[in-house]
Amino acid sequence: MRHWVGKPVIMYCGVRPYTIMKGVLRKWDSSTRIAVIGHQEIAVPFRDIVFIKALAPRERALPPVLHSIGYIMRERQQFDNAVYFKSAVSVWKDDQLLAFNTTIVSHTKGTVTLQDGQNLLKGTHLFVVRSLRG
């Protein structure tokens, strides 16, 4: 089983229903009969392991999450990226929130078109974008 060391795996342990552990197999120690898995380095006795298989790439990834902090878009490139990546945007006018978690469909030098069809002026509104993490 040493060929799994350093690779993302899914480990089934115990009896049905199995306890399932996902992560990188950190260590396979034949002398102490323990396998160590994950970034928390959980030690699992060999007797508890039913089987191990490779973790598929789509099973490894965490779902994308919005960053908790946004930034105010001012440059053309920022608006272009928000359109291209369909980023979550909040729209403010003074201290009033006009749109939350919307997307920008298009923009020109002075206006922005939101997904619901609203055309807003760049000069009188603040557009706060939150990028995806992951």
Protein backbone atom coordinates (compact mmCIF):
# COMPACT_ATOMS: atom_id res chain seq x y z
CA MET A 1 0.00 0.00 0.00
CA ARG A 2 3.00 2.31 0.05
CA HIS A 3 2.18 3.33 -3.53
CA TRP A 4 -0.70 5.44 -2.14
CA VAL A 5 1.58 7.59 0.06
CA GLY A 6 1.50 11.23 -1.07
CA LYS A 7 -1.61 10.72 -3.19
CA PRO A 8 -5.22 11.86 -2.60
CA VAL A 9 -7.25 8.85 -1.52
CA ILE A 10 -10.57 7.86 -0.05
CA MET A 11 -10.32 5.39 2.81
CA TYR A 12 -13.23 3.21 3.97
CA CYS A 13 -12.93 2.12 7.60
CA GLY A 14 -14.82 0.00 10.11
CA VAL A 15 -18.01 -1.92 9.34
CA ARG A 16 -21.03 -0.90 7.27
CA PRO A 17 -21.95 1.90 7.15
CA TYR A 18 -18.26 2.68 6.63
CA THR A 19 -16.51 5.68 8.09
CA ILE A 20 -15.16 7.50 5.05
CA MET A 21 -11.99 9.58 5.19
CA LYS A 22 -10.71 11.68 2.31
CA GLY A 23 -7.30 13.26 2.01
CA VAL A 24 -3.68 12.73 1.14
CA LEU A 25 -2.21 9.54 2.57
CA ARG A 26 0.70 10.95 4.59
CA LYS A 27 2.27 7.79 5.98
CA TRP A 28 2.06 4.01 5.76
CA ASP A 29 3.91 2.53 8.73
CA SER A 30 4.16 -1.27 8.61
CA SER A 31 6.01 -1.51 11.92
CA THR A 32 3.28 0.24 13.96
CA ARG A 33 0.54 -0.95 11.54
CA ILE A 34 -0.88 2.56 11.16
CA ALA A 35 -1.79 4.69 8.14
CA VAL A 36 -1.86 8.49 8.53
CA ILE A 37 -4.31 10.46 6.36
CA GLY A 38 -5.18 14.12 5.79
CA HIS A 39 -3.79 17.46 6.82
CA GLN A 40 -4.91 16.74 10.40
CA GLU A 41 -2.78 13.60 10.26
CA ILE A 42 -5.36 11.15 11.54
CA ALA A 43 -3.81 7.79 12.47
CA VAL A 44 -5.87 4.80 11.34
CA PRO A 45 -4.94 1.25 12.45
CA PHE A 46 -4.58 -1.23 9.57
CA ARG A 47 -7.23 -3.51 11.14
CA ASP A 48 -9.86 -0.75 10.68
CA ILE A 49 -9.15 -0.14 6.97
CA VAL A 50 -11.54 -2.00 4.68
CA PHE A 51 -10.20 -0.59 1.40
CA ILE A 52 -8.50 2.41 -0.16
CA LYS A 53 -9.04 3.91 -3.60
CA ALA A 54 -7.80 6.94 -5.50
CA LEU A 55 -9.77 10.14 -5.00
CA ALA A 56 -11.17 11.38 -8.32
CA PRO A 57 -10.21 14.98 -9.24
CA ARG A 58 -13.80 16.21 -9.00
CA GLU A 59 -14.10 14.71 -5.49
CA ARG A 60 -10.99 16.59 -4.32
CA ALA A 61 -12.08 20.12 -5.06
CA LEU A 62 -14.01 22.15 -2.55
CA PRO A 63 -16.94 24.08 -3.98
CA PRO A 64 -16.13 27.68 -4.86
CA VAL A 65 -17.03 30.20 -2.16
CA LEU A 66 -17.42 33.95 -2.40
CA HIS A 67 -14.72 35.98 -0.67
CA SER A 68 -16.16 37.80 2.33
CA ILE A 69 -14.50 41.08 1.34
CA GLY A 70 -15.30 42.89 -1.89
CA TYR A 71 -13.71 45.79 -3.67
CA ILE A 72 -15.12 48.79 -5.50
CA MET A 73 -14.75 48.57 -9.25
CA ARG A 74 -13.37 51.69 -10.90
CA GLU A 75 -11.35 50.52 -13.91
CA ARG A 76 -12.63 49.22 -17.24
CA GLN A 77 -10.66 45.97 -16.81
CA GLN A 78 -12.42 45.27 -13.49
CA PHE A 79 -15.83 45.62 -15.14
CA ASP A 80 -14.68 43.43 -18.06
CA ASN A 81 -13.57 40.72 -15.63
CA ALA A 82 -16.83 40.92 -13.66
CA VAL A 83 -18.77 40.36 -16.90
CA TYR A 84 -16.48 37.57 -18.11
CA PHE A 85 -16.38 35.65 -14.81
CA LYS A 86 -20.04 36.41 -13.91
CA SER A 87 -18.87 37.69 -10.53
CA ALA A 88 -21.27 38.52 -7.71
CA VAL A 89 -21.79 42.29 -7.58
CA SER A 90 -23.58 44.54 -5.11
CA VAL A 91 -24.74 47.97 -6.26
CA TRP A 92 -24.89 50.96 -3.92
CA LYS A 93 -26.16 54.50 -4.38
CA ASP A 94 -24.99 56.65 -1.50
CA ASP A 95 -25.79 54.52 1.58
CA GLN A 96 -28.62 52.54 -0.04
CA LEU A 97 -28.15 48.99 -1.34
CA LEU A 98 -29.89 48.74 -4.74
CA ALA A 99 -28.88 45.23 -5.78
CA PHE A 100 -27.25 42.37 -3.91
CA ASN A 101 -25.52 39.35 -5.48
CA THR A 102 -26.41 40.32 -9.02
CA THR A 103 -24.23 40.02 -12.13
CA ILE A 104 -23.23 42.53 -14.75
CA VAL A 105 -24.30 41.62 -18.28
CA SER A 106 -22.46 44.44 -20.07
CA HIS A 107 -20.96 47.88 -19.58
CA THR A 108 -19.93 50.92 -21.56
CA LYS A 109 -17.78 53.91 -20.65
CA GLY A 110 -20.51 55.41 -18.45
CA THR A 111 -23.19 52.75 -17.84
CA VAL A 112 -23.61 49.24 -16.50
CA THR A 113 -26.37 46.77 -17.42
CA LEU A 114 -27.36 44.27 -14.71
CA GLN A 115 -28.83 40.80 -15.23
CA ASP A 116 -32.35 42.10 -14.50
CA GLY A 117 -32.02 44.69 -17.30
CA GLN A 118 -31.39 47.79 -15.17
CA ASN A 119 -29.05 50.37 -16.72
CA LEU A 120 -27.11 52.27 -14.06
CA LEU A 121 -24.62 55.13 -14.32
CA LYS A 122 -21.06 54.40 -13.22
CA GLY A 123 -20.63 57.94 -11.93
CA THR A 124 -23.52 57.84 -9.46
CA HIS A 125 -23.36 54.22 -8.26
CA LEU A 126 -20.78 52.06 -6.49
CA PHE A 127 -20.26 48.55 -7.83
CA VAL A 128 -18.73 46.20 -5.28
CA VAL A 129 -17.49 42.87 -6.61
CA ARG A 130 -16.71 39.70 -4.66
CA SER A 131 -14.57 37.15 -6.46
CA LEU A 132 -14.84 33.38 -6.11
CA ARG A 133 -12.32 31.55 -3.97
CA GLY A 134 -11.43 28.12 -5.25
